[in-house]
């Protein structure tokens, strides 16, 4: 059954989360050793492994993995309840914007079958995929600032937190890659689907273009589009720290970069918050993968049958 399949996948992902802890904490100590001449790599590795053991003990005691006595367990709670919510809200807005625009552009290009529209869609996809997030962010910020300087008109806020106009620029930067990726995949997949015989038969029977798209074309193109959406979301997650730092958006990416800078000191703060951020990112990746697995089996009966035989 699919429940058994998902349970096996969840068990595998749990092992991955444990591995993240085992490797990440010693890595923090090794980074610390590079900035401390009197702190050897061997001692750093030993301290890191000891911290891993203490971390699991602290988690079992309900202290969020906080090991050092002078550390604040509430900092981890604030990271989960505040920073993570801000990051996921930004990601949700950007993914909704990028997916809607990308699928719409790809569908229009495939249905119109005009070379100029197709060329523009492919050019947009190449530009969106190739442009680094930090470059697009700097260009947008510079454009807004220069426009404000030249005209005295303030378009949007170029940094800071707020569920209003503060969302616009970071959401556009995070949405650029999903929009470009989905536009290209939708265009290529729908073009192939629309050339099939059953599509011509459906149109010959009197179905309108919109009915044909809803009932046949988009359903058969759904799996590649869903895959592209998942890949785009993973890319957005990996780009999140850069975008949040550039726009001063106080999410988990901003918090991760800020706390990681403490490793420049000889004695950094307790890394429980850093570990929590990495685990939250890993858990988000895992949830995305599980949702994609469920979505694939919902759309393709052959995958449901294979899961049933497991």
Protein backbone atom coordinates (compact mmCIF):
# COMPACT_ATOMS: atom_id res chain seq x y z
CA UNK A 1 0.00 0.00 0.00
CA UNK A 2 1.05 3.59 -0.49
CA UNK A 3 1.01 4.12 3.29
CA UNK A 4 3.67 1.44 3.68
CA UNK A 5 5.71 3.01 0.90
CA UNK A 6 5.53 6.45 2.50
CA UNK A 7 6.43 4.98 5.90
CA UNK A 8 9.57 3.43 4.41
CA UNK A 9 10.46 6.73 2.78
CA UNK A 10 9.89 8.58 6.06
CA UNK A 11 12.20 6.14 7.87
CA UNK A 12 14.89 6.77 5.26
CA UNK A 13 14.48 10.52 5.63
CA UNK A 14 14.76 10.22 9.42
CA UNK A 15 18.13 8.55 8.97
CA UNK A 16 19.14 11.45 6.70
CA UNK A 17 18.16 13.99 9.38
CA UNK A 18 20.23 12.14 11.96
CA UNK A 19 23.17 12.08 9.55
CA UNK A 20 22.85 15.84 9.11
CA UNK A 21 23.33 16.31 12.84
CA UNK A 22 26.24 13.87 13.04
CA UNK A 23 28.14 15.58 10.22
CA UNK A 24 27.11 19.21 10.67
CA UNK A 25 28.12 19.76 14.30
CA UNK A 26 31.70 18.45 13.86
CA UNK A 27 31.93 20.56 10.69
CA UNK A 28 31.21 23.67 12.78
CA UNK A 29 34.04 22.78 15.12
CA UNK A 30 36.38 22.17 12.18
CA UNK A 31 35.50 25.62 10.85
CA UNK A 32 36.34 27.00 14.26
CA UNK A 33 39.73 25.27 14.12
CA UNK A 34 40.61 27.14 10.91
CA UNK A 35 40.29 30.45 12.79
CA UNK A 36 42.06 29.40 15.99
CA UNK A 37 45.80 28.66 15.58
CA UNK A 38 46.00 26.83 18.92
CA UNK A 39 42.99 24.63 18.20
CA UNK A 40 43.95 21.51 16.22
CA UNK A 41 41.68 19.72 13.80
CA UNK A 42 41.92 16.53 15.80
CA UNK A 43 40.76 18.25 18.97
CA UNK A 44 38.01 20.03 17.03
CA UNK A 45 36.74 16.73 15.63
CA UNK A 46 36.76 15.12 19.07
CA UNK A 47 34.90 18.08 20.59
CA UNK A 48 32.40 18.00 17.75
CA UNK A 49 31.60 14.31 18.22
CA UNK A 50 31.23 14.87 21.97
CA UNK A 51 28.87 17.74 21.23
CA UNK A 52 26.81 15.43 19.00
CA UNK A 53 26.32 13.02 21.90
CA UNK A 54 25.44 15.87 24.25
CA UNK A 55 23.05 17.28 21.65
CA UNK A 56 20.98 14.11 21.51
CA UNK A 57 20.89 13.94 25.31
CA UNK A 58 19.70 17.54 25.45
CA UNK A 59 16.99 16.85 22.85
CA UNK A 60 15.71 13.91 24.89
CA UNK A 61 15.56 16.21 27.91
CA UNK A 62 13.43 18.70 25.98
CA UNK A 63 16.08 21.44 25.76
CA UNK A 64 16.05 21.79 21.96
CA UNK A 65 19.61 20.47 21.73
CA UNK A 66 21.10 23.32 23.79
CA UNK A 67 24.27 22.02 25.45
CA UNK A 68 26.17 24.97 26.91
CA UNK A 69 24.87 26.23 30.27
CA UNK A 70 24.95 29.91 29.27
CA UNK A 71 22.93 29.37 26.07
CA UNK A 72 19.28 30.34 25.74
CA UNK A 73 16.89 27.53 24.73
CA UNK A 74 14.27 30.14 23.89
CA UNK A 75 16.42 31.29 20.96
CA UNK A 76 15.73 27.98 19.24
CA UNK A 77 12.00 28.36 19.90
CA UNK A 78 12.02 31.85 18.42
CA UNK A 79 13.82 30.54 15.35
CA UNK A 80 11.10 27.95 14.79
CA UNK A 81 8.10 30.17 15.52
CA UNK A 82 9.29 33.41 13.94
CA UNK A 83 12.14 33.06 11.45
CA UNK A 84 10.89 29.84 9.88
CA UNK A 85 7.37 31.24 9.41
CA UNK A 86 8.78 34.34 7.71
CA UNK A 87 10.89 32.25 5.34
CA UNK A 88 8.08 29.87 4.46
CA UNK A 89 5.70 32.77 3.87
CA UNK A 90 8.19 34.34 1.47
CA UNK A 91 8.72 31.01 -0.28
CA UNK A 92 4.98 30.39 -0.61
CA UNK A 93 4.37 33.80 -2.17
CA UNK A 94 7.30 33.44 -4.58
CA UNK A 95 6.40 29.89 -5.59
CA UNK A 96 2.77 30.86 -6.19
CA UNK A 97 3.84 33.83 -8.29
CA UNK A 98 6.48 31.91 -10.25
CA UNK A 99 4.33 28.83 -10.84
CA UNK A 100 1.27 30.76 -11.97
CA UNK A 101 3.21 33.02 -14.33
CA UNK A 102 5.43 30.22 -15.65
CA UNK A 103 2.63 27.76 -16.40
CA UNK A 104 0.54 30.54 -17.99
CA UNK A 105 3.39 31.71 -20.23
CA UNK A 106 4.29 28.16 -21.24
CA UNK A 107 0.67 27.32 -22.02
CA UNK A 108 0.16 30.44 -24.13
CA UNK A 109 3.35 29.75 -26.08
CA UNK A 110 2.37 26.12 -26.72
CA UNK A 111 -1.24 26.88 -27.72
CA UNK A 112 -0.56 29.86 -29.97
CA UNK A 113 2.28 28.01 -31.73
CA UNK A 114 3.74 31.27 -32.95
CA UNK A 115 7.48 31.36 -33.41
CA UNK A 116 7.82 34.82 -31.88
CA UNK A 117 5.96 33.82 -28.69
CA UNK A 118 7.86 30.52 -28.47
CA UNK A 119 11.18 32.28 -28.96
CA UNK A 120 10.32 34.85 -26.28
CA UNK A 121 9.34 32.08 -23.84
CA UNK A 122 12.55 30.14 -24.42
CA UNK A 123 14.62 33.32 -24.16
CA UNK A 124 12.90 34.24 -20.89
CA UNK A 125 13.51 30.75 -19.50
CA UNK A 126 17.20 30.84 -20.38
CA UNK A 127 17.59 34.29 -18.85
CA UNK A 128 15.71 33.36 -15.68
CA UNK A 129 17.62 30.12 -15.17
CA UNK A 130 21.03 31.62 -15.93
CA UNK A 131 20.80 34.85 -13.91
CA UNK A 132 22.16 34.37 -10.35
CA UNK A 133 19.81 35.37 -7.58
CA UNK A 134 22.26 37.85 -6.05
CA UNK A 135 22.75 39.56 -9.43
CA UNK A 136 19.01 39.93 -10.01
CA UNK A 137 18.54 41.22 -6.45
CA UNK A 138 21.25 43.86 -6.84
CA UNK A 139 19.89 44.94 -10.23
CA UNK A 140 16.36 45.35 -8.86
CA UNK A 141 17.52 47.24 -5.80
CA UNK A 142 19.75 49.55 -7.86
CA UNK A 143 16.93 50.18 -10.36
CA UNK A 144 14.46 51.12 -7.62
CA UNK A 145 16.97 53.39 -5.86
CA UNK A 146 18.01 55.13 -9.10
CA UNK A 147 14.39 55.64 -10.11
CA UNK A 148 13.64 57.14 -6.71
CA UNK A 149 16.67 59.43 -6.96
CA UNK A 150 15.79 60.59 -10.48
CA UNK A 151 12.04 61.14 -10.02
CA UNK A 152 11.46 61.39 -6.28
CA UNK A 153 8.87 58.63 -6.52
CA UNK A 154 9.31 55.64 -4.21
CA UNK A 155 8.15 52.47 -5.92
CA UNK A 156 8.73 49.79 -3.28
CA UNK A 157 10.85 49.19 -0.21
CA UNK A 158 14.23 47.67 -1.05
CA UNK A 159 14.80 45.92 2.29
CA UNK A 160 13.40 44.97 5.66
CA UNK A 161 10.53 42.80 6.86
CA UNK A 162 6.81 43.23 6.38
CA UNK A 163 3.86 41.36 4.87
CA UNK A 164 3.23 44.24 2.50
CA UNK A 165 5.39 45.93 -0.14
CA UNK A 166 8.49 44.52 1.58
CA UNK A 167 7.55 41.19 -0.01
CA UNK A 168 7.63 42.41 -3.60
CA UNK A 169 11.34 42.47 -4.48
CA UNK A 170 12.49 39.33 -2.62
CA UNK A 171 9.46 37.43 -3.95
CA UNK A 172 10.30 38.48 -7.51
CA UNK A 173 13.90 37.33 -7.12
CA UNK A 174 12.87 33.95 -5.69
CA UNK A 175 10.11 33.57 -8.31
CA UNK A 176 12.37 34.24 -11.30
CA UNK A 177 13.87 30.74 -11.45
CA UNK A 178 10.56 28.84 -10.92
CA UNK A 179 8.82 31.02 -13.52
CA UNK A 180 11.54 30.45 -16.12
CA UNK A 181 11.82 26.73 -15.41
CA UNK A 182 8.07 26.12 -15.47
CA UNK A 183 7.57 28.22 -18.60
CA UNK A 184 10.13 26.14 -20.48
CA UNK A 185 8.91 22.76 -19.19
CA UNK A 186 5.24 23.65 -19.76
CA UNK A 187 5.95 24.85 -23.29
CA UNK A 188 7.99 21.79 -24.30
CA UNK A 189 5.65 19.27 -22.65
CA UNK A 190 2.41 20.82 -23.90
CA UNK A 191 3.80 21.18 -27.42
CA UNK A 192 4.48 17.44 -27.47
CA UNK A 193 1.07 16.61 -25.97
CA UNK A 194 -0.83 18.88 -28.38
CA UNK A 195 0.68 17.03 -31.34
CA UNK A 196 -0.88 13.73 -30.22
CA UNK A 197 -3.75 12.16 -32.18
CA UNK A 198 -6.19 12.11 -29.25
CA UNK A 199 -5.89 15.90 -28.93
CA UNK A 200 -6.84 16.39 -32.58
CA UNK A 201 -9.70 13.91 -32.09
CA UNK A 202 -10.97 15.85 -29.05
CA UNK A 203 -10.93 19.10 -31.00
CA UNK A 204 -12.64 17.43 -33.97
CA UNK A 205 -15.47 16.30 -31.66
CA UNK A 206 -16.23 19.90 -30.81
CA UNK A 207 -14.28 20.54 -27.60
CA UNK A 208 -13.08 24.10 -27.19
CA UNK A 209 -9.43 24.86 -26.60
CA UNK A 210 -10.04 25.54 -22.91
CA UNK A 211 -11.97 22.28 -22.47
CA UNK A 212 -9.27 20.35 -24.29
CA UNK A 213 -6.58 21.84 -22.06
CA UNK A 214 -8.47 21.13 -18.84
CA UNK A 215 -9.65 17.61 -19.66
CA UNK A 216 -6.72 16.21 -21.60
CA UNK A 217 -3.60 18.25 -22.30
CA UNK A 218 -2.74 19.68 -18.88
CA UNK A 219 -3.52 16.42 -17.09
CA UNK A 220 -1.12 14.52 -19.32
CA UNK A 221 1.54 17.19 -18.91
CA UNK A 222 1.07 17.40 -15.14
CA UNK A 223 3.91 15.08 -14.06
CA UNK A 224 6.74 16.94 -15.84
CA UNK A 225 5.29 20.24 -14.64
CA UNK A 226 5.05 18.94 -11.08
CA UNK A 227 8.63 17.71 -11.26
CA UNK A 228 9.82 21.12 -12.47
CA UNK A 229 7.88 22.76 -9.65
CA UNK A 230 9.61 20.54 -7.09
CA UNK A 231 13.04 21.22 -8.56
CA UNK A 232 12.34 24.95 -8.55
CA UNK A 233 11.25 24.84 -4.92
CA UNK A 234 14.44 23.04 -3.94
CA UNK A 235 16.48 25.66 -5.78
CA UNK A 236 14.55 28.45 -4.04
CA UNK A 237 15.30 26.87 -0.67
CA UNK A 238 19.01 26.77 -1.43
CA UNK A 239 18.92 30.40 -2.63
CA UNK A 240 16.92 31.61 0.36
CA UNK A 241 19.88 32.66 2.58
CA UNK A 242 21.33 34.88 -0.17
CA UNK A 243 18.01 36.59 -0.87
CA UNK A 244 17.19 37.12 2.80
CA UNK A 245 20.59 38.65 3.52
CA UNK A 246 20.44 41.01 0.53
CA UNK A 247 16.92 42.19 1.41
CA UNK A 248 17.39 42.06 5.22
CA UNK A 249 14.49 39.62 5.50
CA UNK A 250 14.79 38.12 9.02
CA UNK A 251 14.08 34.48 8.15
CA UNK A 252 16.03 31.30 8.80
CA UNK A 253 18.43 32.00 5.92
CA UNK A 254 19.33 35.41 7.37
CA UNK A 255 19.63 33.89 10.84
CA UNK A 256 21.84 31.08 9.55
CA UNK A 257 24.32 33.45 7.89
CA UNK A 258 24.32 35.70 10.94
CA UNK A 259 24.96 32.89 13.41
CA UNK A 260 27.54 31.28 11.15
CA UNK A 261 29.54 34.50 11.32
CA UNK A 262 29.95 33.92 15.06
CA UNK A 263 32.35 31.09 14.21
CA UNK A 264 34.95 33.73 13.47
CA UNK A 265 35.24 34.19 17.21
CA UNK A 266 37.35 31.84 19.27
CA UNK A 267 34.31 30.59 21.15
CA UNK A 268 31.06 30.70 19.18
CA UNK A 269 27.64 30.58 20.76
CA UNK A 270 25.97 27.23 21.26
CA UNK A 271 25.30 25.89 17.74
CA UNK A 272 21.85 24.52 18.65
CA UNK A 273 20.15 27.29 16.66
CA UNK A 274 22.35 26.61 13.63
CA UNK A 275 21.61 22.90 13.83
CA UNK A 276 17.88 23.63 14.15
CA UNK A 277 17.98 25.82 11.05
CA UNK A 278 19.75 23.12 9.03
CA UNK A 279 17.26 20.51 10.28
CA UNK A 280 14.34 22.76 9.35
CA UNK A 281 15.74 23.19 5.85
CA UNK A 282 16.32 19.45 5.56
CA UNK A 283 12.83 18.71 6.89
CA UNK A 284 11.35 21.11 4.35
CA UNK A 285 13.18 19.30 1.55
CA UNK A 286 11.84 16.00 2.88
CA UNK A 287 8.24 17.23 3.07
CA UNK A 288 8.53 18.51 -0.50
CA UNK A 289 9.82 15.12 -1.68
CA UNK A 290 7.02 13.26 0.11
CA UNK A 291 4.39 15.57 -1.37
CA UNK A 292 5.89 15.01 -4.82
CA UNK A 293 5.77 11.23 -4.30
CA UNK A 294 2.09 11.46 -3.35
CA UNK A 295 1.38 13.78 -6.26
CA UNK A 296 3.07 11.47 -8.78
CA UNK A 297 1.03 8.49 -7.61
CA UNK A 298 -2.17 10.50 -7.65
CA UNK A 299 -1.59 11.58 -11.25
CA UNK A 300 -0.16 8.32 -12.64
CA UNK A 301 -2.06 5.07 -11.88
CA UNK A 302 0.99 3.03 -12.87
CA UNK A 303 2.93 4.48 -9.95
CA UNK A 304 0.04 3.75 -7.60
CA UNK A 305 0.10 0.11 -8.73
CA UNK A 306 3.86 -0.12 -8.18
CA UNK A 307 3.47 1.32 -4.68
CA UNK A 308 0.73 -1.17 -3.90
CA UNK A 309 3.01 -4.07 -4.82
CA UNK A 310 5.70 -2.90 -2.38
